[in-house]
Amino acid sequence: MILHDIARLAEFDAGRMGKVSLAAGERLYAGLNCFLPGQQHASHVHADQDKLYYVISGTGEALVGGEARQVAQGDLILAPAGVEHGMKNTGSSPLVVLVVFAPPPRKS
C-alpha cells in the first residue's frame, strides 16, 4: 500500500478531534488526528502500545509523562507504553498529526 499526500485526507469535526485511519497491519497502525483551533485529545495512557506523533502541519502542545511542550510541523513525539500523553491545538490554524502505534488497536 502506498498513500500519497496524506495531509489531503485530513477530516475535521467542529465538535471533536477528527480521526482518519490510514493503514492497519497485524503489528502496526497509522492514522491522522485532525484538530481545529482549540481542540484537544485529552491525556490518556495505553498500557501496551507505543505511540509516535509526527506533526504534518500546524502548531500545538504535546503532553508526554506530565511534561507539556510546544510542537510544530516536522516535530516527532514519542509516548512509550504506560506513559500519559495527549495533544492540543494551541494555534490559529488546523493541526494535522500522523499517529503511528504498535500494536494496533484490538478489533472488537
PDB file of N, CA and C in Angstrom:
ATOM      1  N   MET A   1       0.840  -1.180   0.000  1.00  0.00           N
ATOM      2  CA  MET A   1       0.000   0.000   0.000  1.00  0.00           C
ATOM      3  C   MET A   1       0.887   1.245   0.000  1.00  0.00           C
ATOM      4  N   ILE A   2       0.546   2.182  -0.830  1.00  0.00           N
ATOM      5  CA  ILE A   2       1.229   3.474  -0.866  1.00  0.00           C
ATOM      6  C   ILE A   2       0.150   4.562  -0.885  1.00  0.00           C
ATOM      7  N   LEU A   3       0.267   5.501   0.029  1.00  0.00           N
ATOM      8  CA  LEU A   3      -0.642   6.649   0.071  1.00  0.00           C
ATOM      9  C   LEU A   3       0.177   7.900  -0.210  1.00  0.00           C
ATOM     10  N   HIS A   4      -0.291   8.702  -1.133  1.00  0.00           N
ATOM     11  CA  HIS A   4       0.408   9.943  -1.474  1.00  0.00           C
ATOM     12  C   HIS A   4      -0.297  11.129  -0.817  1.00  0.00           C
ATOM     13  N   ASP A   5       0.486  12.092  -0.379  1.00  0.00           N
ATOM     14  CA  ASP A   5      -0.034  13.347   0.158  1.00  0.00           C
ATOM     15  C   ASP A   5      -1.120  13.109   1.209  1.00  0.00           C
ATOM     16  N   ILE A   6      -0.743  12.447   2.287  1.00  0.00           N
ATOM     17  CA  ILE A   6      -1.735  12.065   3.296  1.00  0.00           C
ATOM     18  C   ILE A   6      -2.407  13.258   3.967  1.00  0.00           C
ATOM     19  N   ALA A   7      -1.775  14.420   3.959  1.00  0.00           N
ATOM     20  CA  ALA A   7      -2.383  15.598   4.582  1.00  0.00           C
ATOM     21  C   ALA A   7      -3.735  15.929   3.940  1.00  0.00           C
ATOM     22  N   ARG A   8      -3.890  15.630   2.670  1.00  0.00           N
ATOM     23  CA  ARG A   8      -5.150  15.931   1.974  1.00  0.00           C
ATOM     24  C   ARG A   8      -6.304  15.065   2.482  1.00  0.00           C
ATOM     25  N   LEU A   9      -5.983  13.995   3.203  1.00  0.00           N
ATOM     26  CA  LEU A   9      -7.006  13.089   3.722  1.00  0.00           C
ATOM     27  C   LEU A   9      -7.566  13.538   5.078  1.00  0.00           C
ATOM     28  N   ALA A  10      -7.014  14.606   5.629  1.00  0.00           N
ATOM     29  CA  ALA A  10      -7.448  15.102   6.938  1.00  0.00           C
ATOM     30  C   ALA A  10      -8.943  15.415   6.927  1.00  0.00           C
ATOM     31  N   GLU A  11      -9.601  15.038   8.011  1.00  0.00           N
ATOM     32  CA  GLU A  11     -11.029  15.326   8.191  1.00  0.00           C
ATOM     33  C   GLU A  11     -11.214  16.020   9.530  1.00  0.00           C
ATOM     34  N   PHE A  12     -11.941  17.121   9.512  1.00  0.00           N
ATOM     35  CA  PHE A  12     -12.157  17.916  10.715  1.00  0.00           C
ATOM     36  C   PHE A  12     -13.620  17.857  11.123  1.00  0.00           C
ATOM     37  N   ASP A  13     -13.852  17.967  12.429  1.00  0.00           N
ATOM     38  CA  ASP A  13     -15.186  17.931  13.001  1.00  0.00           C
ATOM     39  C   ASP A  13     -15.257  19.056  14.021  1.00  0.00           C
ATOM     40  N   ALA A  14     -16.227  19.946  13.870  1.00  0.00           N
ATOM     41  CA  ALA A  14     -16.331  21.091  14.780  1.00  0.00           C
ATOM     42  C   ALA A  14     -16.563  20.663  16.222  1.00  0.00           C
ATOM     43  N   GLY A  15     -17.115  19.464  16.437  1.00  0.00           N
ATOM     44  CA  GLY A  15     -17.445  19.016  17.783  1.00  0.00           C
ATOM     45  C   GLY A  15     -16.339  18.288  18.515  1.00  0.00           C
ATOM     46  N   ARG A  16     -15.358  17.738  17.754  1.00  0.00           N
ATOM     47  CA  ARG A  16     -14.286  16.978  18.404  1.00  0.00           C
ATOM     48  C   ARG A  16     -13.160  16.714  17.420  1.00  0.00           C
ATOM     49  N   MET A  17     -12.048  16.228  17.933  1.00  0.00           N
ATOM     50  CA  MET A  17     -10.907  15.898  17.103  1.00  0.00           C
ATOM     51  C   MET A  17     -11.327  14.910  16.014  1.00  0.00           C
ATOM     52  N   GLY A  18     -10.883  15.166  14.780  1.00  0.00           N
ATOM     53  CA  GLY A  18     -11.148  14.233  13.692  1.00  0.00           C
ATOM     54  C   GLY A  18     -10.112  13.119  13.675  1.00  0.00           C
ATOM     55  N   LYS A  19     -10.537  11.920  13.275  1.00  0.00           N
ATOM     56  CA  LYS A  19      -9.632  10.775  13.169  1.00  0.00           C
ATOM     57  C   LYS A  19      -9.815  10.139  11.796  1.00  0.00           C
ATOM     58  N   VAL A  20      -8.689   9.802  11.168  1.00  0.00           N
ATOM     59  CA  VAL A  20      -8.699   9.136   9.874  1.00  0.00           C
ATOM     60  C   VAL A  20      -7.765   7.942   9.967  1.00  0.00           C
ATOM     61  N   SER A  21      -8.276   6.755   9.678  1.00  0.00           N
ATOM     62  CA  SER A  21      -7.414   5.569   9.619  1.00  0.00           C
ATOM     63  C   SER A  21      -6.729   5.535   8.257  1.00  0.00           C
ATOM     64  N   LEU A  22      -5.419   5.359   8.271  1.00  0.00           N
ATOM     65  CA  LEU A  22      -4.663   5.289   7.023  1.00  0.00           C
ATOM     66  C   LEU A  22      -4.268   3.867   6.669  1.00  0.00           C
ATOM     67  N   ALA A  23      -3.740   3.142   7.638  1.00  0.00           N
ATOM     68  CA  ALA A  23      -3.263   1.786   7.377  1.00  0.00           C
ATOM     69  C   ALA A  23      -3.233   1.016   8.683  1.00  0.00           C
ATOM     70  N   ALA A  24      -3.559  -0.272   8.589  1.00  0.00           N
ATOM     71  CA  ALA A  24      -3.510  -1.128   9.769  1.00  0.00           C
ATOM     72  C   ALA A  24      -3.009  -2.503   9.354  1.00  0.00           C
ATOM     73  N   GLY A  25      -2.017  -2.960  10.069  1.00  0.00           N
ATOM     74  CA  GLY A  25      -1.495  -4.295   9.836  1.00  0.00           C
ATOM     75  C   GLY A  25      -1.646  -5.119  11.098  1.00  0.00           C
ATOM     76  N   GLU A  26      -1.045  -6.274  11.087  1.00  0.00           N
ATOM     77  CA  GLU A  26      -1.091  -7.152  12.251  1.00  0.00           C
ATOM     78  C   GLU A  26      -0.362  -6.552  13.447  1.00  0.00           C
ATOM     79  N   ARG A  27       0.685  -5.741  13.181  1.00  0.00           N
ATOM     80  CA  ARG A  27       1.550  -5.248  14.262  1.00  0.00           C
ATOM     81  C   ARG A  27       1.692  -3.726  14.343  1.00  0.00           C
ATOM     82  N   LEU A  28       1.044  -3.001  13.416  1.00  0.00           N
ATOM     83  CA  LEU A  28       1.254  -1.551  13.350  1.00  0.00           C
ATOM     84  C   LEU A  28      -0.004  -0.869  12.817  1.00  0.00           C
ATOM     85  N   TYR A  29      -0.273   0.346  13.324  1.00  0.00           N
ATOM     86  CA  TYR A  29      -1.410   1.150  12.880  1.00  0.00           C
ATOM     87  C   TYR A  29      -0.926   2.560  12.578  1.00  0.00           C
ATOM     88  N   ALA A  30      -1.502   3.184  11.547  1.00  0.00           N
ATOM     89  CA  ALA A  30      -1.210   4.579  11.229  1.00  0.00           C
ATOM     90  C   ALA A  30      -2.506   5.306  10.920  1.00  0.00           C
ATOM     91  N   GLY A  31      -2.608   6.535  11.417  1.00  0.00           N
ATOM     92  CA  GLY A  31      -3.791   7.345  11.158  1.00  0.00           C
ATOM     93  C   GLY A  31      -3.473   8.816  11.319  1.00  0.00           C
ATOM     94  N   LEU A  32      -4.467   9.633  11.098  1.00  0.00           N
ATOM     95  CA  LEU A  32      -4.334  11.079  11.292  1.00  0.00           C
ATOM     96  C   LEU A  32      -5.224  11.510  12.444  1.00  0.00           C
ATOM     97  N   ASN A  33      -4.707  12.387  13.285  1.00  0.00           N
ATOM     98  CA  ASN A  33      -5.505  13.113  14.257  1.00  0.00           C
ATOM     99  C   ASN A  33      -5.576  14.541  13.744  1.00  0.00           C
ATOM    100  N   CYS A  34      -6.792  15.079  13.645  1.00  0.00           N
ATOM    101  CA  CYS A  34      -7.019  16.369  12.993  1.00  0.00           C
ATOM    102  C   CYS A  34      -7.741  17.302  13.966  1.00  0.00           C
ATOM    103  N   PHE A  35      -7.097  18.399  14.307  1.00  0.00           N
ATOM    104  CA  PHE A  35      -7.594  19.312  15.330  1.00  0.00           C
ATOM    105  C   PHE A  35      -7.879  20.690  14.743  1.00  0.00           C
ATOM    106  N   LEU A  36      -9.050  21.209  14.993  1.00  0.00           N
ATOM    107  CA  LEU A  36      -9.315  22.615  14.717  1.00  0.00           C
ATOM    108  C   LEU A  36      -8.742  23.419  15.884  1.00  0.00           C
ATOM    109  N   PRO A  37      -8.547  24.730  15.709  1.00  0.00           N
ATOM    110  CA  PRO A  37      -8.007  25.530  16.801  1.00  0.00           C
ATOM    111  C   PRO A  37      -8.789  25.317  18.103  1.00  0.00           C
ATOM    112  N   GLY A  38      -8.051  25.084  19.185  1.00  0.00           N
ATOM    113  CA  GLY A  38      -8.639  24.892  20.496  1.00  0.00           C
ATOM    114  C   GLY A  38      -9.010  23.454  20.829  1.00  0.00           C
ATOM    115  N   GLN A  39      -9.067  22.576  19.841  1.00  0.00           N
ATOM    116  CA  GLN A  39      -9.424  21.186  20.118  1.00  0.00           C
ATOM    117  C   GLN A  39      -8.243  20.426  20.712  1.00  0.00           C
ATOM    118  N   GLN A  40      -8.576  19.352  21.440  1.00  0.00           N
ATOM    119  CA  GLN A  40      -7.520  18.550  22.048  1.00  0.00           C
ATOM    120  C   GLN A  40      -7.925  17.088  22.135  1.00  0.00           C
ATOM    121  N   HIS A  41      -6.956  16.244  22.301  1.00  0.00           N
ATOM    122  CA  HIS A  41      -7.155  14.840  22.628  1.00  0.00           C
ATOM    123  C   HIS A  41      -6.701  14.734  24.070  1.00  0.00           C
ATOM    124  N   ALA A  42      -7.647  14.551  24.963  1.00  0.00           N
ATOM    125  CA  ALA A  42      -7.355  14.556  26.394  1.00  0.00           C
ATOM    126  C   ALA A  42      -6.262  13.550  26.733  1.00  0.00           C
ATOM    127  N   SER A  43      -5.481  13.862  27.754  1.00  0.00           N
ATOM    128  CA  SER A  43      -4.391  12.969  28.132  1.00  0.00           C
ATOM    129  C   SER A  43      -4.950  11.616  28.561  1.00  0.00           C
ATOM    130  N   HIS A  44      -4.203  10.582  28.180  1.00  0.00           N
ATOM    131  CA  HIS A  44      -4.614   9.207  28.434  1.00  0.00           C
ATOM    132  C   HIS A  44      -3.380   8.311  28.407  1.00  0.00           C
ATOM    133  N   VAL A  45      -3.570   7.044  28.713  1.00  0.00           N
ATOM    134  CA  VAL A  45      -2.466   6.083  28.771  1.00  0.00           C
ATOM    135  C   VAL A  45      -2.870   4.831  28.002  1.00  0.00           C
ATOM    136  N   HIS A  46      -1.940   4.290  27.232  1.00  0.00           N
ATOM    137  CA  HIS A  46      -2.100   2.977  26.606  1.00  0.00           C
ATOM    138  C   HIS A  46      -1.110   2.056  27.312  1.00  0.00           C
ATOM    139  N   ALA A  47      -1.616   1.086  28.027  1.00  0.00           N
ATOM    140  CA  ALA A  47      -0.753   0.212  28.821  1.00  0.00           C
ATOM    141  C   ALA A  47       0.203  -0.611  27.972  1.00  0.00           C
ATOM    142  N   ASP A  48      -0.228  -0.963  26.752  1.00  0.00           N
ATOM    143  CA  ASP A  48       0.591  -1.880  25.951  1.00  0.00           C
ATOM    144  C   ASP A  48       0.884  -1.370  24.542  1.00  0.00           C
ATOM    145  N   GLN A  49       0.781  -0.069  24.305  1.00  0.00           N
ATOM    146  CA  GLN A  49       1.048   0.483  22.969  1.00  0.00           C
ATOM    147  C   GLN A  49       2.037   1.632  23.044  1.00  0.00           C
ATOM    148  N   ASP A  50       3.081   1.550  22.217  1.00  0.00           N
ATOM    149  CA  ASP A  50       3.963   2.693  22.000  1.00  0.00           C
ATOM    150  C   ASP A  50       3.332   3.545  20.907  1.00  0.00           C
ATOM    151  N   LYS A  51       3.395   4.876  21.053  1.00  0.00           N
ATOM    152  CA  LYS A  51       2.772   5.768  20.080  1.00  0.00           C
ATOM    153  C   LYS A  51       3.764   6.836  19.638  1.00  0.00           C
ATOM    154  N   LEU A  52       3.795   7.077  18.325  1.00  0.00           N
ATOM    155  CA  LEU A  52       4.558   8.178  17.743  1.00  0.00           C
ATOM    156  C   LEU A  52       3.587   9.182  17.151  1.00  0.00           C
ATOM    157  N   TYR A  53       3.857  10.455  17.375  1.00  0.00           N
ATOM    158  CA  TYR A  53       3.128  11.534  16.723  1.00  0.00           C
ATOM    159  C   TYR A  53       4.132  12.266  15.819  1.00  0.00           C
ATOM    160  N   TYR A  54       3.724  12.565  14.586  1.00  0.00           N
ATOM    161  CA  TYR A  54       4.543  13.386  13.695  1.00  0.00           C
ATOM    162  C   TYR A  54       3.659  14.532  13.223  1.00  0.00           C
ATOM    163  N   VAL A  55       4.072  15.760  13.513  1.00  0.00           N
ATOM    164  CA  VAL A  55       3.264  16.930  13.165  1.00  0.00           C
ATOM    165  C   VAL A  55       3.435  17.244  11.678  1.00  0.00           C
ATOM    166  N   ILE A  56       2.350  17.084  10.927  1.00  0.00           N
ATOM    167  CA  ILE A  56       2.362  17.350   9.486  1.00  0.00           C
ATOM    168  C   ILE A  56       2.174  18.840   9.224  1.00  0.00           C
ATOM    169  N   SER A  57       1.223  19.454   9.943  1.00  0.00           N
ATOM    170  CA  SER A  57       1.000  20.902   9.769  1.00  0.00           C
ATOM    171  C   SER A  57       0.355  21.461  11.028  1.00  0.00           C
ATOM    172  N   GLY A  58       0.576  22.751  11.234  1.00  0.00           N
ATOM    173  CA  GLY A  58       0.006  23.433  12.379  1.00  0.00           C
ATOM    174  C   GLY A  58       0.949  23.463  13.571  1.00  0.00           C
ATOM    175  N   THR A  59       0.432  23.995  14.670  1.00  0.00           N
ATOM    176  CA  THR A  59       1.197  24.077  15.912  1.00  0.00           C
ATOM    177  C   THR A  59       0.318  23.619  17.061  1.00  0.00           C
ATOM    178  N   GLY A  60       0.961  23.158  18.104  1.00  0.00           N
ATOM    179  CA  GLY A  60       0.189  22.687  19.240  1.00  0.00           C
ATOM    180  C   GLY A  60       1.049  22.450  20.446  1.00  0.00           C
ATOM    181  N   GLU A  61       0.466  21.722  21.375  1.00  0.00           N
ATOM    182  CA  GLU A  61       1.148  21.363  22.608  1.00  0.00           C
ATOM    183  C   GLU A  61       1.000  19.858  22.799  1.00  0.00           C
ATOM    184  N   ALA A  62       2.132  19.188  22.981  1.00  0.00           N
ATOM    185  CA  ALA A  62       2.139  17.754  23.263  1.00  0.00           C
ATOM    186  C   ALA A  62       2.422  17.560  24.740  1.00  0.00           C
ATOM    187  N   LEU A  63       1.668  16.671  25.343  1.00  0.00           N
ATOM    188  CA  LEU A  63       1.885  16.308  26.738  1.00  0.00           C
ATOM    189  C   LEU A  63       2.384  14.865  26.760  1.00  0.00           C
ATOM    190  N   VAL A  64       3.543  14.636  27.354  1.00  0.00           N
ATOM    191  CA  VAL A  64       4.086  13.295  27.499  1.00  0.00           C
ATOM    192  C   VAL A  64       4.655  13.183  28.910  1.00  0.00           C
ATOM    193  N   GLY A  65       4.133  12.226  29.670  1.00  0.00           N
ATOM    194  CA  GLY A  65       4.644  11.996  31.009  1.00  0.00           C
ATOM    195  C   GLY A  65       4.557  13.205  31.918  1.00  0.00           C
ATOM    196  N   GLY A  66       3.505  14.000  31.780  1.00  0.00           N
ATOM    197  CA  GLY A  66       3.326  15.164  32.631  1.00  0.00           C
ATOM    198  C   GLY A  66       4.080  16.405  32.169  1.00  0.00           C
ATOM    199  N   GLU A  67       4.848  16.290  31.092  1.00  0.00           N
ATOM    200  CA  GLU A  67       5.607  17.434  30.571  1.00  0.00           C
ATOM    201  C   GLU A  67       4.961  17.938  29.286  1.00  0.00           C
ATOM    202  N   ALA A  68       4.576  19.216  29.249  1.00  0.00           N
ATOM    203  CA  ALA A  68       3.962  19.836  28.072  1.00  0.00           C
ATOM    204  C   ALA A  68       5.026  20.597  27.289  1.00  0.00           C
ATOM    205  N   ARG A  69       5.029  20.394  25.965  1.00  0.00           N
ATOM    206  CA  ARG A  69       5.978  21.082  25.078  1.00  0.00           C
ATOM    207  C   ARG A  69       5.260  21.587  23.839  1.00  0.00           C
ATOM    208  N   GLN A  70       5.678  22.746  23.360  1.00  0.00           N
ATOM    209  CA  GLN A  70       5.158  23.266  22.103  1.00  0.00           C
ATOM    210  C   GLN A  70       5.723  22.444  20.951  1.00  0.00           C
ATOM    211  N   VAL A  71       4.880  22.143  19.965  1.00  0.00           N
ATOM    212  CA  VAL A  71       5.291  21.370  18.796  1.00  0.00           C
ATOM    213  C   VAL A  71       4.793  22.061  17.535  1.00  0.00           C
ATOM    214  N   ALA A  72       5.495  21.781  16.422  1.00  0.00           N
ATOM    215  CA  ALA A  72       5.147  22.387  15.142  1.00  0.00           C
ATOM    216  C   ALA A  72       5.513  21.422  14.016  1.00  0.00           C
ATOM    217  N   GLN A  73       5.177  21.813  12.810  1.00  0.00           N
ATOM    218  CA  GLN A  73       5.431  20.993  11.629  1.00  0.00           C
ATOM    219  C   GLN A  73       6.847  20.421  11.652  1.00  0.00           C
ATOM    220  N   GLY A  74       6.928  19.099  11.425  1.00  0.00           N
ATOM    221  CA  GLY A  74       8.212  18.421  11.383  1.00  0.00           C
ATOM    222  C   GLY A  74       8.657  17.821  12.698  1.00  0.00           C
ATOM    223  N   ASP A  75       7.933  18.090  13.790  1.00  0.00           N
ATOM    224  CA  ASP A  75       8.321  17.548  15.092  1.00  0.00           C
ATOM    225  C   ASP A  75       7.799  16.128  15.285  1.00  0.00           C
ATOM    226  N   LEU A  76       8.574  15.321  15.997  1.00  0.00           N
ATOM    227  CA  LEU A  76       8.236  13.932  16.299  1.00  0.00           C
ATOM    228  C   LEU A  76       8.159  13.773  17.811  1.00  0.00           C
ATOM    229  N   ILE A  77       7.113  13.114  18.266  1.00  0.00           N
ATOM    230  CA  ILE A  77       6.886  12.929  19.695  1.00  0.00           C
ATOM    231  C   ILE A  77       6.713  11.437  19.960  1.00  0.00           C
ATOM    232  N   LEU A  78       7.386  10.905  20.987  1.00  0.00           N
ATOM    233  CA  LEU A  78       7.237   9.508  21.373  1.00  0.00           C
ATOM    234  C   LEU A  78       6.532   9.435  22.715  1.00  0.00           C
ATOM    235  N   ALA A  79       5.488   8.615  22.770  1.00  0.00           N
ATOM    236  CA  ALA A  79       4.790   8.317  24.030  1.00  0.00           C
ATOM    237  C   ALA A  79       4.894   6.804  24.239  1.00  0.00           C
ATOM    238  N   PRO A  80       5.855   6.374  25.065  1.00  0.00           N
ATOM    239  CA  PRO A  80       6.004   4.934  25.310  1.00  0.00           C
ATOM    240  C   PRO A  80       4.781   4.354  26.024  1.00  0.00           C
ATOM    241  N   ALA A  81       4.588   3.057  25.890  1.00  0.00           N
ATOM    242  CA  ALA A  81       3.500   2.364  26.581  1.00  0.00           C
ATOM    243  C   ALA A  81       3.547   2.693  28.066  1.00  0.00           C
ATOM    244  N   GLY A  82       2.383   2.918  28.656  1.00  0.00           N
ATOM    245  CA  GLY A  82       2.280   3.184  30.080  1.00  0.00           C
ATOM    246  C   GLY A  82       2.519   4.620  30.484  1.00  0.00           C
ATOM    247  N   VAL A  83       2.819   5.511  29.522  1.00  0.00           N
ATOM    248  CA  VAL A  83       3.101   6.910  29.826  1.00  0.00           C
ATOM    249  C   VAL A  83       1.929   7.785  29.362  1.00  0.00           C
ATOM    250  N   GLU A  84       1.459   8.646  30.247  1.00  0.00           N
ATOM    251  CA  GLU A  84       0.368   9.559  29.919  1.00  0.00           C
ATOM    252  C   GLU A  84       0.771  10.469  28.758  1.00  0.00           C
ATOM    253  N   HIS A  85      -0.177  10.706  27.828  1.00  0.00           N
ATOM    254  CA  HIS A  85       0.101  11.570  26.691  1.00  0.00           C
ATOM    255  C   HIS A  85      -1.194  12.189  26.164  1.00  0.00           C
ATOM    256  N   GLY A  86      -1.047  13.296  25.458  1.00  0.00           N
ATOM    257  CA  GLY A  86      -2.181  13.984  24.852  1.00  0.00           C
ATOM    258  C   GLY A  86      -1.672  15.038  23.887  1.00  0.00           C
ATOM    259  N   MET A  87      -2.581  15.639  23.124  1.00  0.00           N
ATOM    260  CA  MET A  87      -2.213  16.636  22.119  1.00  0.00           C
ATOM    261  C   MET A  87      -3.298  17.699  22.078  1.00  0.00           C
ATOM    262  N   LYS A  88      -2.873  18.948  21.843  1.00  0.00           N
ATOM    263  CA  LYS A  88      -3.811  20.071  21.827  1.00  0.00           C
ATOM    264  C   LYS A  88      -3.380  21.061  20.746  1.00  0.00           C
ATOM    265  N   ASN A  89      -4.360  21.595  20.013  1.00  0.00           N
ATOM    266  CA  ASN A  89      -4.077  22.636  19.024  1.00  0.00           C
ATOM    267  C   ASN A  89      -4.096  23.980  19.734  1.00  0.00           C
ATOM    268  N   THR A  90      -2.935  24.591  19.869  1.00  0.00           N
ATOM    269  CA  THR A  90      -2.826  25.896  20.517  1.00  0.00           C
ATOM    270  C   THR A  90      -2.674  27.015  19.493  1.00  0.00           C
ATOM    271  N   GLY A  91      -2.702  26.660  18.215  1.00  0.00           N
ATOM    272  CA  GLY A  91      -2.516  27.650  17.155  1.00  0.00           C
ATOM    273  C   GLY A  91      -3.829  28.204  16.636  1.00  0.00           C
ATOM    274  N   SER A  92      -3.722  29.009  15.578  1.00  0.00           N
ATOM    275  CA  SER A  92      -4.903  29.626  14.974  1.00  0.00           C
ATOM    276  C   SER A  92      -5.314  28.942  13.674  1.00  0.00           C
ATOM    277  N   SER A  93      -4.599  27.889  13.282  1.00  0.00           N
ATOM    278  CA  SER A  93      -4.943  27.132  12.077  1.00  0.00           C
ATOM    279  C   SER A  93      -5.049  25.653  12.438  1.00  0.00           C
ATOM    280  N   PRO A  94      -5.605  24.843  11.545  1.00  0.00           N
ATOM    281  CA  PRO A  94      -5.741  23.414  11.842  1.00  0.00           C
ATOM    282  C   PRO A  94      -4.391  22.746  12.134  1.00  0.00           C
ATOM    283  N   LEU A  95      -4.439  21.728  12.983  1.00  0.00           N
ATOM    284  CA  LEU A  95      -3.278  20.915  13.336  1.00  0.00           C
ATOM    285  C   LEU A  95      -3.550  19.499  12.824  1.00  0.00           C
ATOM    286  N   VAL A  96      -2.619  18.979  12.014  1.00  0.00           N
ATOM    287  CA  VAL A  96      -2.741  17.619  11.480  1.00  0.00           C
ATOM    288  C   VAL A  96      -1.530  16.825  11.941  1.00  0.00           C
ATOM    289  N   VAL A  97      -1.805  15.694  12.596  1.00  0.00           N
ATOM    290  CA  VAL A  97      -0.751  14.884  13.189  1.00  0.00           C
ATOM    291  C   VAL A  97      -0.876  13.446  12.699  1.00  0.00           C
ATOM    292  N   LEU A  98       0.220  12.903  12.164  1.00  0.00           N
ATOM    293  CA  LEU A  98       0.286  11.486  11.838  1.00  0.00           C
ATOM    294  C   LEU A  98       0.522  10.736  13.135  1.00  0.00           C
ATOM    295  N   VAL A  99      -0.282   9.713  13.387  1.00  0.00           N
ATOM    296  CA  VAL A  99      -0.170   8.910  14.594  1.00  0.00           C
ATOM    297  C   VAL A  99       0.154   7.484  14.168  1.00  0.00           C
ATOM    298  N   VAL A 100       1.224   6.933  14.745  1.00  0.00           N
ATOM    299  CA  VAL A 100       1.614   5.555  14.454  1.00  0.00           C
ATOM    300  C   VAL A 100       1.770   4.849  15.787  1.00  0.00           C
ATOM    301  N   PHE A 101       1.106   3.704  15.935  1.00  0.00           N
ATOM    302  CA  PHE A 101       1.307   2.974  17.187  1.00  0.00           C
ATOM    303  C   PHE A 101       1.283   1.469  16.978  1.00  0.00           C
ATOM    304  N   ALA A 102       1.913   0.817  17.931  1.00  0.00           N
ATOM    305  CA  ALA A 102       2.038  -0.636  17.900  1.00  0.00           C
ATOM    306  C   ALA A 102       1.955  -1.169  19.321  1.00  0.00           C
ATOM    307  N   PRO A 103       1.293  -2.282  19.486  1.00  0.00           N
ATOM    308  CA  PRO A 103       0.494  -2.978  18.486  1.00  0.00           C
ATOM    309  C   PRO A 103      -0.758  -2.168  18.134  1.00  0.00           C
ATOM    310  N   PRO A 104      -1.419  -2.532  17.022  1.00  0.00           N
ATOM    311  CA  PRO A 104      -2.623  -1.781  16.611  1.00  0.00           C
ATOM    312  C   PRO A 104      -3.775  -2.002  17.584  1.00  0.00           C
ATOM    313  N   PRO A 105      -4.807  -1.182  17.465  1.00  0.00           N
ATOM    314  CA  PRO A 105      -5.969  -1.376  18.340  1.00  0.00           C
ATOM    315  C   PRO A 105      -6.561  -2.770  18.145  1.00  0.00           C
ATOM    316  N   ARG A 106      -7.070  -3.296  19.209  1.00  0.00           N
ATOM    317  CA  ARG A 106      -7.723  -4.604  19.126  1.00  0.00           C
ATOM    318  C   ARG A 106      -9.061  -4.469  18.433  1.00  0.00           C
ATOM    319  N   LYS A 107      -9.373  -5.408  17.571  1.00  0.00           N
ATOM    320  CA  LYS A 107     -10.668  -5.391  16.885  1.00  0.00           C
ATOM    321  C   LYS A 107     -11.723  -5.963  17.825  1.00  0.00           C
ATOM    322  N   SER A 108     -12.868  -5.286  17.872  1.00  0.00           N
ATOM    323  CA  SER A 108     -13.946  -5.736  18.760  1.00  0.00           C
ATOM    324  C   SER A 108     -14.854  -6.701  18.036  1.00  0.00           C
TER     325      SER A 108
END
